[in-house]
Amino acid sequence: MESHEVLKEAAEKVGVKALAAELRLSPALVYKWCEESESDDPDASGARNPLDRIREIVRVTSHISVVSWLCHEAGGFFVHNPEEQSANINTDLLQSTQQLVRAFSELLNEVSDAVANDGHIEADEADRIRHDWELLKTNAETFVVACERGVYRQAGKK
């Protein structure tokens, strides 16, 4: 599904005029976001929409936290799609499990440090714990999905 189609679906749930009013934008701009936009055609009727802009921000910066934040705001979390196949099952499986253990260890260290400091978990410490927890969830889910997809299966074995 293209970005303009996703936005059109979303806008239809509340109505373009209501969405535009809530965003303090003109309905014409929201309508343009919901039309296909050819990036190389300046005469195309659509306008570069927020989803396309976010995609470009992630592409240019390689900063996945932008997507993670958006997922968190939507009540979920971002999970990387694992590679389709393991180049070297022994190395890749070992690295994946080490990454998972490291993420869990970092979470435990953050909790221990927060409590050892003064016996309380303050707001900034809770933020760091949340950050480590999000990394752990992402690493764990990516690992499990890779296992389910057979990424760590040796070639020729079922």
N, C-alpha and C. Protein backbone atom coordinates (compact mmCIF):
# COMPACT_ATOMS: atom_id res chain seq x y z
N MET A 1 0.85 -1.17 0.00
CA MET A 1 0.00 0.00 0.00
C MET A 1 0.90 1.24 0.00
N GLU A 2 0.56 2.20 -0.80
CA GLU A 2 1.33 3.44 -0.91
C GLU A 2 0.96 4.41 0.21
N SER A 3 1.86 5.34 0.50
CA SER A 3 1.64 6.28 1.60
C SER A 3 0.37 7.10 1.43
N HIS A 4 0.10 7.55 0.22
CA HIS A 4 -1.10 8.36 0.00
C HIS A 4 -2.37 7.54 0.23
N GLU A 5 -2.31 6.24 -0.04
CA GLU A 5 -3.47 5.37 0.19
C GLU A 5 -3.71 5.18 1.69
N VAL A 6 -2.62 5.05 2.44
CA VAL A 6 -2.74 4.92 3.90
C VAL A 6 -3.36 6.19 4.48
N LEU A 7 -2.87 7.33 4.04
CA LEU A 7 -3.40 8.60 4.54
C LEU A 7 -4.86 8.79 4.13
N LYS A 8 -5.20 8.38 2.93
CA LYS A 8 -6.59 8.51 2.47
C LYS A 8 -7.52 7.66 3.35
N GLU A 9 -7.09 6.43 3.64
CA GLU A 9 -7.86 5.56 4.53
C GLU A 9 -8.04 6.19 5.90
N ALA A 10 -6.94 6.72 6.44
CA ALA A 10 -7.00 7.34 7.77
C ALA A 10 -7.91 8.56 7.76
N ALA A 11 -7.79 9.40 6.73
CA ALA A 11 -8.61 10.61 6.65
C ALA A 11 -10.09 10.28 6.53
N GLU A 12 -10.39 9.20 5.82
CA GLU A 12 -11.79 8.81 5.64
C GLU A 12 -12.45 8.38 6.95
N LYS A 13 -11.65 7.94 7.92
CA LYS A 13 -12.21 7.51 9.21
C LYS A 13 -12.87 8.67 9.95
N VAL A 14 -12.32 9.87 9.83
CA VAL A 14 -12.88 11.02 10.55
C VAL A 14 -13.38 12.10 9.60
N GLY A 15 -13.03 11.99 8.35
CA GLY A 15 -13.38 13.01 7.36
C GLY A 15 -12.22 13.97 7.16
N VAL A 16 -11.98 14.31 5.92
CA VAL A 16 -10.85 15.18 5.58
C VAL A 16 -10.97 16.53 6.27
N LYS A 17 -12.18 17.11 6.28
CA LYS A 17 -12.35 18.44 6.88
C LYS A 17 -12.10 18.39 8.38
N ALA A 18 -12.56 17.34 9.04
CA ALA A 18 -12.34 17.23 10.49
C ALA A 18 -10.85 17.03 10.79
N LEU A 19 -10.19 16.20 9.98
CA LEU A 19 -8.75 15.98 10.17
C LEU A 19 -7.98 17.27 9.94
N ALA A 20 -8.30 17.98 8.88
CA ALA A 20 -7.63 19.24 8.57
C ALA A 20 -7.84 20.24 9.70
N ALA A 21 -9.06 20.32 10.22
CA ALA A 21 -9.34 21.26 11.32
C ALA A 21 -8.52 20.90 12.56
N GLU A 22 -8.45 19.61 12.88
CA GLU A 22 -7.69 19.17 14.05
C GLU A 22 -6.20 19.47 13.89
N LEU A 23 -5.69 19.33 12.67
CA LEU A 23 -4.27 19.58 12.39
C LEU A 23 -3.99 21.06 12.10
N ARG A 24 -5.06 21.86 12.03
CA ARG A 24 -4.95 23.29 11.70
C ARG A 24 -4.30 23.49 10.33
N LEU A 25 -4.80 22.71 9.38
CA LEU A 25 -4.33 22.78 8.00
C LEU A 25 -5.54 22.97 7.09
N SER A 26 -5.29 23.32 5.86
CA SER A 26 -6.39 23.44 4.91
C SER A 26 -6.82 22.06 4.45
N PRO A 27 -8.13 21.88 4.24
CA PRO A 27 -8.59 20.60 3.69
C PRO A 27 -7.94 20.30 2.34
N ALA A 28 -7.64 21.34 1.57
CA ALA A 28 -7.01 21.13 0.26
C ALA A 28 -5.66 20.43 0.40
N LEU A 29 -4.87 20.81 1.43
CA LEU A 29 -3.57 20.16 1.63
C LEU A 29 -3.76 18.70 2.01
N VAL A 30 -4.70 18.42 2.88
CA VAL A 30 -4.95 17.04 3.29
C VAL A 30 -5.42 16.22 2.09
N TYR A 31 -6.29 16.81 1.27
CA TYR A 31 -6.71 16.12 0.04
C TYR A 31 -5.51 15.83 -0.86
N LYS A 32 -4.59 16.78 -0.97
CA LYS A 32 -3.38 16.57 -1.81
C LYS A 32 -2.52 15.45 -1.25
N TRP A 33 -2.42 15.35 0.09
CA TRP A 33 -1.65 14.27 0.70
C TRP A 33 -2.22 12.91 0.31
N CYS A 34 -3.53 12.86 0.07
CA CYS A 34 -4.23 11.60 -0.22
C CYS A 34 -4.19 11.24 -1.70
N GLU A 35 -3.51 12.04 -2.49
CA GLU A 35 -3.36 11.76 -3.91
C GLU A 35 -1.95 11.27 -4.19
N GLU A 36 -1.81 10.46 -5.22
CA GLU A 36 -0.49 9.97 -5.61
C GLU A 36 0.38 11.15 -6.03
N SER A 37 1.62 11.13 -5.56
CA SER A 37 2.55 12.20 -5.88
C SER A 37 3.78 11.60 -6.54
N GLU A 38 4.09 12.05 -7.72
CA GLU A 38 5.30 11.62 -8.42
C GLU A 38 6.42 12.57 -8.01
N SER A 39 7.43 12.05 -7.31
CA SER A 39 8.50 12.90 -6.82
C SER A 39 9.29 13.56 -7.94
N ASP A 40 9.32 12.93 -9.11
CA ASP A 40 10.08 13.50 -10.21
C ASP A 40 9.21 14.32 -11.16
N ASP A 41 7.92 14.45 -10.85
CA ASP A 41 7.00 15.21 -11.71
C ASP A 41 6.43 16.39 -10.93
N PRO A 42 6.95 17.60 -11.16
CA PRO A 42 6.47 18.77 -10.42
C PRO A 42 5.03 19.13 -10.75
N ASP A 43 4.47 18.61 -11.84
CA ASP A 43 3.09 18.93 -12.22
C ASP A 43 2.09 17.92 -11.66
N ALA A 44 2.56 16.92 -10.93
CA ALA A 44 1.66 15.92 -10.36
C ALA A 44 0.75 16.59 -9.34
N SER A 45 -0.47 16.07 -9.21
CA SER A 45 -1.46 16.73 -8.36
C SER A 45 -1.22 16.51 -6.86
N GLY A 46 -0.61 15.41 -6.48
CA GLY A 46 -0.40 15.13 -5.07
C GLY A 46 0.70 15.98 -4.46
N ALA A 47 0.75 15.99 -3.13
CA ALA A 47 1.80 16.71 -2.41
C ALA A 47 2.57 15.72 -1.55
N ARG A 48 3.86 15.99 -1.34
CA ARG A 48 4.65 15.11 -0.46
C ARG A 48 3.99 15.10 0.91
N ASN A 49 3.61 13.95 1.33
CA ASN A 49 2.86 13.85 2.58
C ASN A 49 3.79 13.55 3.76
N PRO A 50 3.26 13.63 4.98
CA PRO A 50 4.09 13.38 6.17
C PRO A 50 4.73 12.00 6.21
N LEU A 51 4.05 10.98 5.71
CA LEU A 51 4.62 9.63 5.72
C LEU A 51 5.84 9.55 4.81
N ASP A 52 5.74 10.16 3.63
CA ASP A 52 6.89 10.19 2.72
C ASP A 52 8.05 10.95 3.34
N ARG A 53 7.75 12.02 4.04
CA ARG A 53 8.79 12.83 4.67
C ARG A 53 9.47 12.05 5.80
N ILE A 54 8.70 11.33 6.59
CA ILE A 54 9.28 10.51 7.66
C ILE A 54 10.17 9.43 7.06
N ARG A 55 9.69 8.78 5.99
CA ARG A 55 10.50 7.76 5.31
C ARG A 55 11.83 8.36 4.86
N GLU A 56 11.81 9.57 4.33
CA GLU A 56 13.04 10.22 3.87
C GLU A 56 13.96 10.56 5.04
N ILE A 57 13.39 11.00 6.15
CA ILE A 57 14.20 11.29 7.34
C ILE A 57 14.94 10.03 7.79
N VAL A 58 14.24 8.92 7.83
CA VAL A 58 14.86 7.66 8.24
C VAL A 58 15.91 7.22 7.22
N ARG A 59 15.60 7.37 5.94
CA ARG A 59 16.56 6.99 4.91
C ARG A 59 17.83 7.83 4.99
N VAL A 60 17.68 9.12 5.17
CA VAL A 60 18.83 10.02 5.18
C VAL A 60 19.66 9.85 6.45
N THR A 61 18.98 9.71 7.60
CA THR A 61 19.69 9.65 8.88
C THR A 61 20.04 8.25 9.33
N SER A 62 19.34 7.24 8.80
CA SER A 62 19.47 5.85 9.27
C SER A 62 19.16 5.74 10.76
N HIS A 63 18.35 6.66 11.26
CA HIS A 63 18.02 6.71 12.69
C HIS A 63 16.65 6.07 12.90
N ILE A 64 16.65 4.78 13.20
CA ILE A 64 15.42 4.01 13.34
C ILE A 64 14.59 4.47 14.54
N SER A 65 15.20 5.20 15.46
CA SER A 65 14.47 5.70 16.63
C SER A 65 13.28 6.56 16.23
N VAL A 66 13.33 7.18 15.05
CA VAL A 66 12.20 7.96 14.56
C VAL A 66 10.98 7.04 14.41
N VAL A 67 11.20 5.89 13.82
CA VAL A 67 10.12 4.92 13.62
C VAL A 67 9.72 4.30 14.96
N SER A 68 10.70 4.00 15.80
CA SER A 68 10.42 3.43 17.11
C SER A 68 9.54 4.37 17.93
N TRP A 69 9.85 5.65 17.88
CA TRP A 69 9.06 6.63 18.62
C TRP A 69 7.62 6.65 18.12
N LEU A 70 7.46 6.65 16.81
CA LEU A 70 6.13 6.67 16.21
C LEU A 70 5.34 5.41 16.61
N CYS A 71 6.01 4.26 16.57
CA CYS A 71 5.37 3.01 16.98
C CYS A 71 4.95 3.08 18.45
N HIS A 72 5.82 3.62 19.29
CA HIS A 72 5.52 3.76 20.72
C HIS A 72 4.29 4.66 20.91
N GLU A 73 4.24 5.76 20.17
CA GLU A 73 3.11 6.69 20.27
C GLU A 73 1.81 6.03 19.82
N ALA A 74 1.92 5.04 18.94
CA ALA A 74 0.74 4.32 18.45
C ALA A 74 0.39 3.12 19.32
N GLY A 75 1.16 2.93 20.41
CA GLY A 75 0.86 1.85 21.34
C GLY A 75 1.58 0.55 21.06
N GLY A 76 2.63 0.59 20.26
CA GLY A 76 3.36 -0.64 19.93
C GLY A 76 4.85 -0.41 19.97
N PHE A 77 5.56 -1.27 19.26
CA PHE A 77 7.01 -1.09 19.15
C PHE A 77 7.48 -1.61 17.81
N PHE A 78 8.61 -1.10 17.38
CA PHE A 78 9.17 -1.43 16.07
C PHE A 78 10.02 -2.68 16.17
N VAL A 79 9.89 -3.55 15.19
CA VAL A 79 10.70 -4.76 15.10
C VAL A 79 11.31 -4.82 13.71
N HIS A 80 12.63 -4.98 13.65
CA HIS A 80 13.31 -5.12 12.36
C HIS A 80 12.91 -6.44 11.71
N ASN A 81 12.79 -6.43 10.41
CA ASN A 81 12.62 -7.69 9.69
C ASN A 81 13.99 -8.37 9.64
N PRO A 82 14.06 -9.62 10.06
CA PRO A 82 15.35 -10.31 10.03
C PRO A 82 15.75 -10.62 8.59
N GLU A 83 17.04 -10.87 8.42
CA GLU A 83 17.53 -11.29 7.11
C GLU A 83 16.80 -12.58 6.73
N GLU A 84 16.63 -12.78 5.45
CA GLU A 84 15.90 -13.96 4.97
C GLU A 84 16.66 -15.25 5.19
N GLN A 85 17.98 -15.17 5.19
CA GLN A 85 18.78 -16.37 5.32
C GLN A 85 20.08 -16.03 6.03
N SER A 86 20.58 -16.95 6.75
CA SER A 86 21.83 -16.76 7.47
C SER A 86 23.00 -17.09 6.55
N ALA A 87 23.97 -16.17 6.49
CA ALA A 87 25.17 -16.42 5.68
C ALA A 87 26.03 -17.50 6.34
N ASN A 88 26.18 -17.41 7.64
CA ASN A 88 26.95 -18.39 8.42
C ASN A 88 26.16 -18.65 9.69
N ILE A 89 25.45 -19.76 9.73
CA ILE A 89 24.54 -20.04 10.83
C ILE A 89 25.24 -19.99 12.19
N ASN A 90 26.43 -20.53 12.29
CA ASN A 90 27.12 -20.54 13.59
C ASN A 90 27.45 -19.13 14.06
N THR A 91 28.01 -18.32 13.19
CA THR A 91 28.36 -16.95 13.55
C THR A 91 27.12 -16.11 13.79
N ASP A 92 26.15 -16.17 12.87
CA ASP A 92 24.96 -15.34 12.98
C ASP A 92 24.12 -15.70 14.21
N LEU A 93 23.96 -16.98 14.47
CA LEU A 93 23.19 -17.40 15.64
C LEU A 93 23.89 -16.97 16.92
N LEU A 94 25.19 -17.13 16.97
CA LEU A 94 25.95 -16.71 18.15
C LEU A 94 25.83 -15.20 18.35
N GLN A 95 25.99 -14.42 17.28
CA GLN A 95 25.89 -12.96 17.40
C GLN A 95 24.49 -12.54 17.82
N SER A 96 23.48 -13.18 17.28
CA SER A 96 22.10 -12.84 17.63
C SER A 96 21.81 -13.12 19.10
N THR A 97 22.25 -14.28 19.58
CA THR A 97 22.00 -14.60 20.99
C THR A 97 22.82 -13.69 21.90
N GLN A 98 24.04 -13.36 21.50
CA GLN A 98 24.84 -12.43 22.30
C GLN A 98 24.19 -11.06 22.36
N GLN A 99 23.64 -10.62 21.26
CA GLN A 99 22.96 -9.33 21.21
C GLN A 99 21.75 -9.33 22.14
N LEU A 100 21.02 -10.41 22.16
CA LEU A 100 19.85 -10.54 23.03
C LEU A 100 20.27 -10.53 24.50
N VAL A 101 21.29 -11.29 24.84
CA VAL A 101 21.79 -11.33 26.22
C VAL A 101 22.33 -9.97 26.64
N ARG A 102 23.04 -9.29 25.73
CA ARG A 102 23.59 -7.96 26.02
C ARG A 102 22.46 -6.97 26.31
N ALA A 103 21.40 -7.00 25.51
CA ALA A 103 20.28 -6.08 25.72
C ALA A 103 19.61 -6.34 27.07
N PHE A 104 19.46 -7.61 27.43
CA PHE A 104 18.87 -7.96 28.73
C PHE A 104 19.78 -7.50 29.87
N SER A 105 21.08 -7.70 29.70
CA SER A 105 22.05 -7.29 30.70
C SER A 105 22.02 -5.78 30.90
N GLU A 106 21.93 -5.03 29.80
CA GLU A 106 21.88 -3.56 29.90
C GLU A 106 20.63 -3.10 30.65
N LEU A 107 19.52 -3.77 30.42
CA LEU A 107 18.30 -3.44 31.15
C LEU A 107 18.48 -3.70 32.64
N LEU A 108 19.01 -4.87 32.98
CA LEU A 108 19.22 -5.19 34.39
C LEU A 108 20.20 -4.23 35.05
N ASN A 109 21.26 -3.86 34.35
CA ASN A 109 22.23 -2.90 34.88
C ASN A 109 21.57 -1.55 35.14
N GLU A 110 20.73 -1.10 34.23
CA GLU A 110 20.05 0.19 34.39
C GLU A 110 19.14 0.17 35.62
N VAL A 111 18.41 -0.93 35.80
CA VAL A 111 17.54 -1.05 36.97
C VAL A 111 18.37 -1.09 38.25
N SER A 112 19.43 -1.90 38.26
CA SER A 112 20.29 -2.01 39.43
C SER A 112 20.93 -0.68 39.79
N ASP A 113 21.44 0.03 38.78
CA ASP A 113 22.07 1.33 39.02
C ASP A 113 21.07 2.33 39.58
N ALA A 114 19.86 2.31 39.06
CA ALA A 114 18.84 3.25 39.53
C ALA A 114 18.50 3.02 41.00
N VAL A 115 18.34 1.78 41.37
CA VAL A 115 17.96 1.45 42.75
C VAL A 115 19.15 1.62 43.69
N ALA A 116 20.34 1.22 43.25
CA ALA A 116 21.53 1.32 44.10
C ALA A 116 21.89 2.77 44.41
N ASN A 117 21.57 3.65 43.52
CA ASN A 117 21.91 5.06 43.68
C ASN A 117 21.27 5.65 44.93
N ASP A 118 19.93 5.53 45.06
CA ASP A 118 19.24 6.14 46.19
C ASP A 118 18.03 5.35 46.66
N GLY A 119 17.89 4.12 46.14
CA GLY A 119 16.75 3.29 46.56
C GLY A 119 15.46 3.62 45.83
N HIS A 120 15.50 4.56 44.89
CA HIS A 120 14.31 4.96 44.15
C HIS A 120 14.63 4.96 42.65
N ILE A 121 13.59 4.87 41.86
CA ILE A 121 13.75 5.01 40.41
C ILE A 121 13.09 6.34 40.04
N GLU A 122 13.94 7.29 39.68
CA GLU A 122 13.48 8.63 39.32
C GLU A 122 13.02 8.64 37.86
N ALA A 123 12.39 9.73 37.45
CA ALA A 123 11.82 9.84 36.09
C ALA A 123 12.88 9.65 35.01
N ASP A 124 14.05 10.28 35.17
CA ASP A 124 15.09 10.15 34.14
C ASP A 124 15.63 8.72 34.10
N GLU A 125 15.70 8.07 35.26
CA GLU A 125 16.14 6.67 35.30
C GLU A 125 15.10 5.77 34.65
N ALA A 126 13.82 6.07 34.90
CA ALA A 126 12.74 5.30 34.28
C ALA A 126 12.79 5.45 32.76
N ASP A 127 13.14 6.64 32.29
CA ASP A 127 13.28 6.85 30.83
C ASP A 127 14.38 5.97 30.26
N ARG A 128 15.50 5.87 30.98
CA ARG A 128 16.60 5.02 30.50
C ARG A 128 16.20 3.55 30.55
N ILE A 129 15.47 3.16 31.58
CA ILE A 129 14.98 1.78 31.69
C ILE A 129 14.03 1.50 30.52
N ARG A 130 13.15 2.44 30.22
CA ARG A 130 12.22 2.28 29.09
C ARG A 130 12.99 2.10 27.79
N HIS A 131 14.03 2.92 27.59
CA HIS A 131 14.85 2.83 26.38
C HIS A 131 15.47 1.44 26.25
N ASP A 132 16.08 0.95 27.35
CA ASP A 132 16.70 -0.38 27.32
C ASP A 132 15.65 -1.47 27.12
N TRP A 133 14.48 -1.30 27.70
CA TRP A 133 13.39 -2.27 27.54
C TRP A 133 12.94 -2.33 26.09
N GLU A 134 12.81 -1.18 25.44
CA GLU A 134 12.42 -1.15 24.03
C GLU A 134 13.45 -1.86 23.16
N LEU A 135 14.74 -1.65 23.45
CA LEU A 135 15.79 -2.35 22.70
C LEU A 135 15.71 -3.86 22.93
N LEU A 136 15.49 -4.27 24.16
CA LEU A 136 15.38 -5.69 24.47
C LEU A 136 14.18 -6.31 23.74
N LYS A 137 13.03 -5.66 23.78
CA LYS A 137 11.85 -6.19 23.09
C LYS A 137 12.11 -6.33 21.59
N THR A 138 12.74 -5.32 21.02
CA THR A 138 13.03 -5.37 19.59
C THR A 138 13.99 -6.50 19.26
N ASN A 139 15.07 -6.61 20.04
CA ASN A 139 16.03 -7.70 19.80
C ASN A 139 15.39 -9.07 19.97
N ALA A 140 14.59 -9.22 21.01
CA ALA A 140 13.96 -10.52 21.27
C ALA A 140 12.97 -10.89 20.16
N GLU A 141 12.13 -9.94 19.76
CA GLU A 141 11.14 -10.23 18.72
C GLU A 141 11.81 -10.50 17.38
N THR A 142 12.84 -9.75 17.05
CA THR A 142 13.57 -9.99 15.80
C THR A 142 14.20 -11.38 15.81
N PHE A 143 14.76 -11.77 16.95
CA PHE A 143 15.37 -13.10 17.08
C PHE A 143 14.32 -14.20 16.90
N VAL A 144 13.19 -14.05 17.57
CA VAL A 144 12.14 -15.08 17.49
C VAL A 144 11.58 -15.17 16.08
N VAL A 145 11.36 -14.04 15.43
CA VAL A 145 10.86 -14.06 14.05
C VAL A 145 11.87 -14.73 13.13
N ALA A 146 13.15 -14.45 13.33
CA ALA A 146 14.19 -15.10 12.53
C ALA A 146 14.15 -16.61 12.73
N CYS A 147 13.97 -17.05 13.97
CA CYS A 147 13.87 -18.49 14.25
C CYS A 147 12.65 -19.08 13.54
N GLU A 148 11.51 -18.39 13.66
CA GLU A 148 10.28 -18.88 13.03
C GLU A 148 10.40 -18.97 11.51
N ARG A 149 11.12 -18.06 10.92
CA ARG A 149 11.29 -18.04 9.46
C ARG A 149 12.38 -18.99 8.98
N GLY A 150 13.05 -19.64 9.90
CA GLY A 150 14.08 -20.60 9.51
C GLY A 150 15.39 -19.96 9.12
N VAL A 151 15.63 -18.74 9.56
CA VAL A 151 16.87 -18.05 9.21
C VAL A 151 18.08 -18.83 9.70
N TYR A 152 17.96 -19.45 10.86
CA TYR A 152 19.10 -20.15 11.45
C TYR A 152 19.12 -21.64 11.11
N ARG A 153 18.37 -22.02 10.09
CA ARG A 153 18.35 -23.40 9.64
C ARG A 153 19.53 -23.60 8.70
N GLN A 154 20.24 -24.67 8.86
CA GLN A 154 21.35 -24.95 7.96
C GLN A 154 20.81 -25.32 6.59
N ALA A 155 21.50 -24.88 5.57
CA ALA A 155 21.07 -25.14 4.20
C ALA A 155 20.89 -26.64 3.98
N GLY A 156 19.78 -26.99 3.34
CA GLY A 156 19.52 -28.37 3.02
C GLY A 156 18.84 -29.17 4.14
N LYS A 157 18.71 -28.56 5.33
CA LYS A 157 18.04 -29.26 6.44
C LYS A 157 16.69 -28.62 6.69
N LYS A 158 15.74 -29.47 7.05
CA LYS A 158 14.38 -28.96 7.33
C LYS A 158 13.99 -29.16 8.74
